[in-house]
C-alpha cells in the first residue's frame, strides 16, 4: 500500500492568521440576523442590540470571493440606530454606516459617486437594510489592533474602493493588486480587565464569533429573499424592491 499526495489540496492557512494590512479584495457582505426589529417590515428581526448602549447594529460577515485570500472571512458591526449623537441629535454611528453603505452600492453597481442623475439616485434607494444582504464590492482591508492583550487583532473593512479609483477595475476582476497598508497604531490597552469585553469594531462593539458562510454564490443584484414576519400572528407584506434589483 502507498499514499499518493500529488493530488492533495494546498494546505490551509492557520485559522487565526489575518489577511495582511492594506490588502485589496473583492468581498461579499452577509447579514446575520440578531432578532431585533428594524424600522421597516423587511428588517423584522434583522438587527442586533449592543451590549452596553441603546445602539442597534447590523452584524455583518464578509467573505473574500476571489483572489489569493478567497473564502477567508472577517466580521464587523455597523451601527444603524442609537449610540452617541451629534449636535443635531443624530446617531454618529448611523452617519458613518450610511456613508459606508452608499459606497458599497456604488462599488457593487459601478456607479460614479458623483453621479446624481435620477437613475443613479434611484439605485441608491433601498426598501430595507435587508437588501444589502449579499452585496459584493471592492474593498481595502486593514488589521485593527486589539484594545486588550487578552484578545487577538482583527481584520476590518478599511474603506470601500469606488469606481474611478485606480484599483477598482482590477479588484472587481479578481486580479492581484499591490497592498497599501493602513499601519494602524496600537490602541491604548484597557486599564480595566472587565472592559476587555468591548473589543474594537467599526463604530461600535466587537466582531462576533465566526459563523458559516451564507447565501454563497448568490449575486447581490438578484431580488433579496422575502423578509420574515414580525410575529406569527401578523405577517408583514413583502416590500417591493427597487427597480434596479429586477433588471
C-alpha atoms as a PDB file:
ATOM      1  CA  UNK A   1       0.000   0.000   0.000  1.00  0.00           C
ATOM      2  CA  UNK A   2       1.168   3.534  -0.739  1.00  0.00           C
ATOM      3  CA  UNK A   3      -0.164   7.074  -0.338  1.00  0.00           C
ATOM      4  CA  UNK A   4      -0.112   9.416  -3.320  1.00  0.00           C
ATOM      5  CA  UNK A   5      -0.141  13.020  -2.119  1.00  0.00           C
ATOM      6  CA  UNK A   6       0.230  14.582  -5.564  1.00  0.00           C
ATOM      7  CA  UNK A   7      -3.459  15.375  -5.835  1.00  0.00           C
ATOM      8  CA  UNK A   8      -3.772  16.770  -2.307  1.00  0.00           C
ATOM      9  CA  UNK A   9      -5.241  20.247  -1.902  1.00  0.00           C
ATOM     10  CA  UNK A  10      -2.933  23.116  -0.814  1.00  0.00           C
ATOM     11  CA  UNK A  11      -2.574  23.305   2.946  1.00  0.00           C
ATOM     12  CA  UNK A  12      -4.993  25.599   4.737  1.00  0.00           C
ATOM     13  CA  UNK A  13      -3.778  28.773   6.391  1.00  0.00           C
ATOM     14  CA  UNK A  14      -3.987  28.826  10.188  1.00  0.00           C
ATOM     15  CA  UNK A  15      -7.448  29.966  11.231  1.00  0.00           C
ATOM     16  CA  UNK A  16      -6.022  32.776  13.320  1.00  0.00           C
ATOM     17  CA  UNK A  17      -3.834  34.196  10.548  1.00  0.00           C
ATOM     18  CA  UNK A  18      -5.007  37.602   9.402  1.00  0.00           C
ATOM     19  CA  UNK A  19      -5.305  38.937   5.881  1.00  0.00           C
ATOM     20  CA  UNK A  20      -2.371  41.380   5.547  1.00  0.00           C
ATOM     21  CA  UNK A  21      -2.992  45.023   6.356  1.00  0.00           C
ATOM     22  CA  UNK A  22      -3.909  47.093   3.290  1.00  0.00           C
ATOM     23  CA  UNK A  23      -4.981  44.139   1.132  1.00  0.00           C
ATOM     24  CA  UNK A  24      -7.376  44.915  -1.718  1.00  0.00           C
ATOM     25  CA  UNK A  25     -10.072  42.286  -2.285  1.00  0.00           C
ATOM     26  CA  UNK A  26     -13.481  41.668  -3.762  1.00  0.00           C
ATOM     27  CA  UNK A  27     -15.748  40.778  -0.849  1.00  0.00           C
ATOM     28  CA  UNK A  28     -19.360  39.796  -0.192  1.00  0.00           C
ATOM     29  CA  UNK A  29     -21.319  41.012   2.843  1.00  0.00           C
ATOM     30  CA  UNK A  30     -23.819  38.695   4.534  1.00  0.00           C
ATOM     31  CA  UNK A  31     -26.086  39.968   7.311  1.00  0.00           C
ATOM     32  CA  UNK A  32     -26.550  37.734  10.354  1.00  0.00           C
ATOM     33  CA  UNK A  33     -29.973  38.447  11.915  1.00  0.00           C
ATOM     34  CA  UNK A  34     -29.821  39.370  15.603  1.00  0.00           C
ATOM     35  CA  UNK A  35     -33.510  39.196  16.495  1.00  0.00           C
ATOM     36  CA  UNK A  36     -34.171  42.935  16.865  1.00  0.00           C
ATOM     37  CA  UNK A  37     -36.642  44.613  14.516  1.00  0.00           C
ATOM     38  CA  UNK A  38     -35.521  47.367  12.203  1.00  0.00           C
ATOM     39  CA  UNK A  39     -37.596  50.337  11.096  1.00  0.00           C
ATOM     40  CA  UNK A  40     -39.149  48.606   8.058  1.00  0.00           C
ATOM     41  CA  UNK A  41     -41.180  45.378   7.778  1.00  0.00           C
ATOM     42  CA  UNK A  42     -38.413  43.894   5.638  1.00  0.00           C
ATOM     43  CA  UNK A  43     -35.960  44.307   8.518  1.00  0.00           C
ATOM     44  CA  UNK A  44     -38.008  42.410  11.106  1.00  0.00           C
ATOM     45  CA  UNK A  45     -35.569  40.540  13.362  1.00  0.00           C
ATOM     46  CA  UNK A  46     -32.601  41.732  11.301  1.00  0.00           C
ATOM     47  CA  UNK A  47     -30.725  43.920  13.793  1.00  0.00           C
ATOM     48  CA  UNK A  48     -28.589  43.168  16.831  1.00  0.00           C
ATOM     49  CA  UNK A  49     -28.727  45.049  20.132  1.00  0.00           C
ATOM     50  CA  UNK A  50     -25.494  46.453  21.554  1.00  0.00           C
ATOM     51  CA  UNK A  51     -24.473  45.028  24.910  1.00  0.00           C
ATOM     52  CA  UNK A  52     -23.836  48.310  26.735  1.00  0.00           C
ATOM     53  CA  UNK A  53     -25.829  51.005  24.928  1.00  0.00           C
ATOM     54  CA  UNK A  54     -29.095  51.572  23.106  1.00  0.00           C
ATOM     55  CA  UNK A  55     -27.390  51.115  19.741  1.00  0.00           C
ATOM     56  CA  UNK A  56     -28.836  48.760  17.146  1.00  0.00           C
ATOM     57  CA  UNK A  57     -26.456  47.235  14.646  1.00  0.00           C
ATOM     58  CA  UNK A  58     -26.083  45.149  11.525  1.00  0.00           C
ATOM     59  CA  UNK A  59     -23.998  42.073  12.346  1.00  0.00           C
ATOM     60  CA  UNK A  60     -22.086  41.503   9.117  1.00  0.00           C
ATOM     61  CA  UNK A  61     -19.909  38.689   7.849  1.00  0.00           C
ATOM     62  CA  UNK A  62     -17.523  39.452   4.985  1.00  0.00           C
ATOM     63  CA  UNK A  63     -16.162  36.764   2.677  1.00  0.00           C
ATOM     64  CA  UNK A  64     -13.407  37.245   0.101  1.00  0.00           C
ATOM     65  CA  UNK A  65     -14.848  35.897  -3.152  1.00  0.00           C
ATOM     66  CA  UNK A  66     -11.815  35.952  -5.469  1.00  0.00           C
ATOM     67  CA  UNK A  67      -8.044  36.079  -5.426  1.00  0.00           C
ATOM     68  CA  UNK A  68      -5.325  34.931  -3.045  1.00  0.00           C
ATOM     69  CA  UNK A  69      -7.494  35.042   0.078  1.00  0.00           C
ATOM     70  CA  UNK A  70     -10.667  33.584  -1.413  1.00  0.00           C
ATOM     71  CA  UNK A  71     -13.134  32.196   1.174  1.00  0.00           C
ATOM     72  CA  UNK A  72     -11.361  33.985   4.042  1.00  0.00           C
ATOM     73  CA  UNK A  73     -13.779  35.779   6.375  1.00  0.00           C
ATOM     74  CA  UNK A  74     -13.951  38.613   8.861  1.00  0.00           C
ATOM     75  CA  UNK A  75     -16.748  40.198  10.883  1.00  0.00           C
ATOM     76  CA  UNK A  76     -17.857  43.713  11.646  1.00  0.00           C
ATOM     77  CA  UNK A  77     -20.809  45.528  13.215  1.00  0.00           C
ATOM     78  CA  UNK A  78     -22.387  48.673  11.761  1.00  0.00           C
ATOM     79  CA  UNK A  79     -24.492  50.945  13.967  1.00  0.00           C
ATOM     80  CA  UNK A  80     -27.819  51.814  12.312  1.00  0.00           C
ATOM     81  CA  UNK A  81     -29.583  53.500  15.238  1.00  0.00           C
ATOM     82  CA  UNK A  82     -28.855  54.783  18.728  1.00  0.00           C
ATOM     83  CA  UNK A  83     -25.497  55.221  20.401  1.00  0.00           C
ATOM     84  CA  UNK A  84     -23.726  58.566  20.647  1.00  0.00           C
ATOM     85  CA  UNK A  85     -25.369  61.517  18.928  1.00  0.00           C
ATOM     86  CA  UNK A  86     -24.012  64.656  17.251  1.00  0.00           C
ATOM     87  CA  UNK A  87     -25.032  68.258  17.931  1.00  0.00           C
ATOM     88  CA  UNK A  88     -28.085  67.721  15.728  1.00  0.00           C
ATOM     89  CA  UNK A  89     -29.224  64.752  17.787  1.00  0.00           C
ATOM     90  CA  UNK A  90     -28.410  62.284  15.023  1.00  0.00           C
ATOM     91  CA  UNK A  91     -26.694  58.964  15.636  1.00  0.00           C
ATOM     92  CA  UNK A  92     -22.983  59.339  14.883  1.00  0.00           C
ATOM     93  CA  UNK A  93     -22.674  55.630  14.219  1.00  0.00           C
ATOM     94  CA  UNK A  94     -25.522  55.641  11.707  1.00  0.00           C
ATOM     95  CA  UNK A  95     -23.998  58.567   9.795  1.00  0.00           C
ATOM     96  CA  UNK A  96     -20.756  56.590   9.458  1.00  0.00           C
ATOM     97  CA  UNK A  97     -22.567  53.398   8.481  1.00  0.00           C
ATOM     98  CA  UNK A  98     -24.794  55.213   5.980  1.00  0.00           C
ATOM     99  CA  UNK A  99     -21.720  56.560   4.165  1.00  0.00           C
ATOM    100  CA  UNK A 100     -20.246  53.051   4.047  1.00  0.00           C
ATOM    101  CA  UNK A 101     -23.464  51.512   2.712  1.00  0.00           C
ATOM    102  CA  UNK A 102     -23.738  54.112  -0.035  1.00  0.00           C
ATOM    103  CA  UNK A 103     -20.139  53.412  -1.048  1.00  0.00           C
ATOM    104  CA  UNK A 104     -20.898  49.667  -1.143  1.00  0.00           C
ATOM    105  CA  UNK A 105     -23.817  50.261  -3.522  1.00  0.00           C
ATOM    106  CA  UNK A 106     -21.718  52.495  -5.777  1.00  0.00           C
ATOM    107  CA  UNK A 107     -18.888  49.951  -5.824  1.00  0.00           C
ATOM    108  CA  UNK A 108     -21.185  46.973  -6.417  1.00  0.00           C
ATOM    109  CA  UNK A 109     -23.034  48.611  -9.308  1.00  0.00           C
ATOM    110  CA  UNK A 110     -20.142  50.552 -10.820  1.00  0.00           C
ATOM    111  CA  UNK A 111     -21.774  53.904 -10.109  1.00  0.00           C
ATOM    112  CA  UNK A 112     -19.705  57.067 -10.225  1.00  0.00           C
ATOM    113  CA  UNK A 113     -20.004  58.537  -6.702  1.00  0.00           C
ATOM    114  CA  UNK A 114     -20.530  61.965  -8.280  1.00  0.00           C
ATOM    115  CA  UNK A 115     -23.383  60.723 -10.472  1.00  0.00           C
ATOM    116  CA  UNK A 116     -26.520  62.345  -9.091  1.00  0.00           C
ATOM    117  CA  UNK A 117     -28.738  61.657 -12.052  1.00  0.00           C
ATOM    118  CA  UNK A 118     -32.251  60.408 -11.339  1.00  0.00           C
ATOM    119  CA  UNK A 119     -31.278  56.912 -12.500  1.00  0.00           C
ATOM    120  CA  UNK A 120     -28.250  56.728 -10.214  1.00  0.00           C
ATOM    121  CA  UNK A 121     -30.130  58.174  -7.233  1.00  0.00           C
ATOM    122  CA  UNK A 122     -32.899  55.597  -7.685  1.00  0.00           C
ATOM    123  CA  UNK A 123     -30.356  52.776  -7.419  1.00  0.00           C
ATOM    124  CA  UNK A 124     -29.249  54.071  -4.021  1.00  0.00           C
ATOM    125  CA  UNK A 125     -32.744  53.770  -2.527  1.00  0.00           C
ATOM    126  CA  UNK A 126     -33.482  50.516  -0.682  1.00  0.00           C
ATOM    127  CA  UNK A 127     -36.731  49.263   0.810  1.00  0.00           C
ATOM    128  CA  UNK A 128     -34.837  47.933   3.815  1.00  0.00           C
ATOM    129  CA  UNK A 129     -31.332  47.171   5.067  1.00  0.00           C
ATOM    130  CA  UNK A 130     -32.082  43.512   4.298  1.00  0.00           C
ATOM    131  CA  UNK A 131     -31.496  44.324   0.648  1.00  0.00           C
ATOM    132  CA  UNK A 132     -27.803  44.857   1.421  1.00  0.00           C
ATOM    133  CA  UNK A 133     -27.556  41.142   2.217  1.00  0.00           C
ATOM    134  CA  UNK A 134     -25.221  39.538  -0.334  1.00  0.00           C
ATOM    135  CA  UNK A 135     -23.833  42.768  -1.782  1.00  0.00           C
ATOM    136  CA  UNK A 136     -20.431  42.220  -3.431  1.00  0.00           C
ATOM    137  CA  UNK A 137     -17.962  45.077  -3.842  1.00  0.00           C
ATOM    138  CA  UNK A 138     -14.306  46.101  -3.968  1.00  0.00           C
ATOM    139  CA  UNK A 139     -12.616  46.888  -0.664  1.00  0.00           C
ATOM    140  CA  UNK A 140      -9.371  47.560   1.123  1.00  0.00           C
ATOM    141  CA  UNK A 141      -8.907  45.639   4.368  1.00  0.00           C
ATOM    142  CA  UNK A 142      -6.972  46.534   7.470  1.00  0.00           C
ATOM    143  CA  UNK A 143      -5.697  44.902  10.626  1.00  0.00           C
ATOM    144  CA  UNK A 144      -7.187  46.540  13.711  1.00  0.00           C
ATOM    145  CA  UNK A 145      -5.145  46.021  16.894  1.00  0.00           C
ATOM    146  CA  UNK A 146      -6.995  44.600  19.853  1.00  0.00           C
ATOM    147  CA  UNK A 147      -7.719  47.020  22.694  1.00  0.00           C
ATOM    148  CA  UNK A 148      -6.863  44.368  25.272  1.00  0.00           C
ATOM    149  CA  UNK A 149      -3.945  41.877  25.214  1.00  0.00           C
ATOM    150  CA  UNK A 150      -6.405  39.082  26.006  1.00  0.00           C
ATOM    151  CA  UNK A 151      -7.880  39.433  22.531  1.00  0.00           C
ATOM    152  CA  UNK A 152      -6.481  38.945  19.042  1.00  0.00           C
ATOM    153  CA  UNK A 153      -6.143  41.622  16.388  1.00  0.00           C
ATOM    154  CA  UNK A 154      -8.942  41.601  13.814  1.00  0.00           C
ATOM    155  CA  UNK A 155      -9.415  42.220  10.111  1.00  0.00           C
ATOM    156  CA  UNK A 156     -11.751  45.098   9.361  1.00  0.00           C
ATOM    157  CA  UNK A 157     -13.071  46.980   6.348  1.00  0.00           C
ATOM    158  CA  UNK A 158     -10.754  49.962   5.914  1.00  0.00           C
ATOM    159  CA  UNK A 159     -12.633  51.530   3.009  1.00  0.00           C
ATOM    160  CA  UNK A 160     -14.786  50.650   0.034  1.00  0.00           C
ATOM    161  CA  UNK A 161     -12.972  51.002  -3.303  1.00  0.00           C
ATOM    162  CA  UNK A 162     -15.058  53.107  -5.688  1.00  0.00           C
ATOM    163  CA  UNK A 163     -15.309  53.335  -9.471  1.00  0.00           C
ATOM    164  CA  UNK A 164     -12.693  55.735 -10.761  1.00  0.00           C
ATOM    165  CA  UNK A 165     -10.123  54.750  -8.147  1.00  0.00           C
ATOM    166  CA  UNK A 166      -7.011  53.113  -9.680  1.00  0.00           C
ATOM    167  CA  UNK A 167      -7.526  49.710  -8.044  1.00  0.00           C
ATOM    168  CA  UNK A 168     -11.246  49.334  -8.735  1.00  0.00           C
ATOM    169  CA  UNK A 169     -11.296  47.549 -12.088  1.00  0.00           C
ATOM    170  CA  UNK A 170      -8.562  45.080 -11.141  1.00  0.00           C
ATOM    171  CA  UNK A 171     -10.148  44.240  -7.784  1.00  0.00           C
ATOM    172  CA  UNK A 172     -13.568  43.624  -9.340  1.00  0.00           C
ATOM    173  CA  UNK A 173     -11.929  41.293 -11.876  1.00  0.00           C
ATOM    174  CA  UNK A 174     -10.259  39.342  -9.059  1.00  0.00           C
ATOM    175  CA  UNK A 175      -6.763  40.401 -10.087  1.00  0.00           C
ATOM    176  CA  UNK A 176      -3.897  40.864  -7.644  1.00  0.00           C
ATOM    177  CA  UNK A 177      -3.346  44.470  -6.537  1.00  0.00           C
ATOM    178  CA  UNK A 178      -0.391  45.797  -4.564  1.00  0.00           C
ATOM    179  CA  UNK A 179      -1.455  46.299  -0.921  1.00  0.00           C
ATOM    180  CA  UNK A 180      -1.486  49.757   0.638  1.00  0.00           C
ATOM    181  CA  UNK A 181      -1.033  49.206   4.406  1.00  0.00           C
ATOM    182  CA  UNK A 182      -3.030  51.313   6.804  1.00  0.00           C
ATOM    183  CA  UNK A 183      -0.393  50.979   9.537  1.00  0.00           C
ATOM    184  CA  UNK A 184      -2.989  51.404  12.259  1.00  0.00           C
ATOM    185  CA  UNK A 185      -1.423  52.432  15.551  1.00  0.00           C
ATOM    186  CA  UNK A 186      -1.986  50.096  18.523  1.00  0.00           C
ATOM    187  CA  UNK A 187      -4.901  51.117  20.663  1.00  0.00           C
ATOM    188  CA  UNK A 188      -4.348  52.104  24.285  1.00  0.00           C
ATOM    189  CA  UNK A 189      -4.664  48.974  26.483  1.00  0.00           C
ATOM    190  CA  UNK A 190      -7.678  48.891  28.756  1.00  0.00           C
ATOM    191  CA  UNK A 191      -6.977  49.681  32.422  1.00  0.00           C
ATOM    192  CA  UNK A 192      -9.994  47.647  33.471  1.00  0.00           C
ATOM    193  CA  UNK A 193      -9.961  43.921  32.817  1.00  0.00           C
ATOM    194  CA  UNK A 194     -13.743  43.914  32.551  1.00  0.00           C
ATOM    195  CA  UNK A 195     -13.530  46.435  29.747  1.00  0.00           C
ATOM    196  CA  UNK A 196     -11.956  43.703  27.637  1.00  0.00           C
ATOM    197  CA  UNK A 197     -15.450  42.560  26.794  1.00  0.00           C
ATOM    198  CA  UNK A 198     -15.631  45.583  24.483  1.00  0.00           C
ATOM    199  CA  UNK A 199     -13.224  44.668  21.677  1.00  0.00           C
ATOM    200  CA  UNK A 200     -12.956  47.355  18.989  1.00  0.00           C
ATOM    201  CA  UNK A 201     -15.140  47.387  15.868  1.00  0.00           C
ATOM    202  CA  UNK A 202     -16.388  49.679  13.139  1.00  0.00           C
ATOM    203  CA  UNK A 203     -18.015  52.464  15.192  1.00  0.00           C
ATOM    204  CA  UNK A 204     -19.343  50.009  17.777  1.00  0.00           C
ATOM    205  CA  UNK A 205     -18.822  46.727  19.609  1.00  0.00           C
ATOM    206  CA  UNK A 206     -16.573  43.734  18.976  1.00  0.00           C
ATOM    207  CA  UNK A 207     -16.880  41.493  15.943  1.00  0.00           C
ATOM    208  CA  UNK A 208     -18.952  38.397  16.752  1.00  0.00           C
ATOM    209  CA  UNK A 209     -17.759  34.836  16.762  1.00  0.00           C
ATOM    210  CA  UNK A 210     -17.275  33.040  13.471  1.00  0.00           C
ATOM    211  CA  UNK A 211     -20.281  31.598  11.665  1.00  0.00           C
ATOM    212  CA  UNK A 212     -20.790  29.605   8.500  1.00  0.00           C
ATOM    213  CA  UNK A 213     -20.992  31.350   5.139  1.00  0.00           C
ATOM    214  CA  UNK A 214     -24.495  32.234   3.999  1.00  0.00           C
ATOM    215  CA  UNK A 215     -26.014  32.544   0.529  1.00  0.00           C
ATOM    216  CA  UNK A 216     -22.792  31.515  -1.188  1.00  0.00           C
ATOM    217  CA  UNK A 217     -22.651  32.477  -4.833  1.00  0.00           C
ATOM    218  CA  UNK A 218     -25.916  34.456  -4.881  1.00  0.00           C
ATOM    219  CA  UNK A 219     -25.384  37.720  -6.820  1.00  0.00           C
ATOM    220  CA  UNK A 220     -26.457  40.778  -4.878  1.00  0.00           C
ATOM    221  CA  UNK A 221     -28.312  42.161  -7.891  1.00  0.00           C
ATOM    222  CA  UNK A 222     -30.927  39.413  -7.568  1.00  0.00           C
ATOM    223  CA  UNK A 223     -34.118  40.172  -5.617  1.00  0.00           C
ATOM    224  CA  UNK A 224     -33.346  39.664  -1.894  1.00  0.00           C
ATOM    225  CA  UNK A 225     -35.205  36.855  -0.084  1.00  0.00           C
ATOM    226  CA  UNK A 226     -38.609  37.705   1.329  1.00  0.00           C
ATOM    227  CA  UNK A 227     -38.469  39.023   4.875  1.00  0.00           C
ATOM    228  CA  UNK A 228     -39.612  37.120   7.929  1.00  0.00           C
ATOM    229  CA  UNK A 229     -42.868  38.328   9.551  1.00  0.00           C
ATOM    230  CA  UNK A 230     -42.586  40.267  12.771  1.00  0.00           C
ATOM    231  CA  UNK A 231     -44.806  37.776  14.538  1.00  0.00           C
ATOM    232  CA  UNK A 232     -46.543  34.505  13.830  1.00  0.00           C
ATOM    233  CA  UNK A 233     -49.909  36.147  14.299  1.00  0.00           C
ATOM    234  CA  UNK A 234     -49.361  39.054  11.961  1.00  0.00           C
ATOM    235  CA  UNK A 235     -47.462  38.563   8.698  1.00  0.00           C
ATOM    236  CA  UNK A 236     -45.992  41.639   7.068  1.00  0.00           C
ATOM    237  CA  UNK A 237     -46.470  42.292   3.327  1.00  0.00           C
ATOM    238  CA  UNK A 238     -43.406  41.872   1.148  1.00  0.00           C
ATOM    239  CA  UNK A 239     -41.987  45.276   0.204  1.00  0.00           C
ATOM    240  CA  UNK A 240     -41.234  45.720  -3.468  1.00  0.00           C
ATOM    241  CA  UNK A 241     -37.525  46.091  -4.157  1.00  0.00           C
ATOM    242  CA  UNK A 242     -36.000  48.963  -6.129  1.00  0.00           C
ATOM    243  CA  UNK A 243     -36.476  48.701  -9.878  1.00  0.00           C
ATOM    244  CA  UNK A 244     -32.769  48.180 -10.469  1.00  0.00           C
ATOM    245  CA  UNK A 245     -32.833  44.925  -8.440  1.00  0.00           C
ATOM    246  CA  UNK A 246     -35.098  43.421 -11.057  1.00  0.00           C
ATOM    247  CA  UNK A 247     -33.080  44.467 -14.064  1.00  0.00           C
END
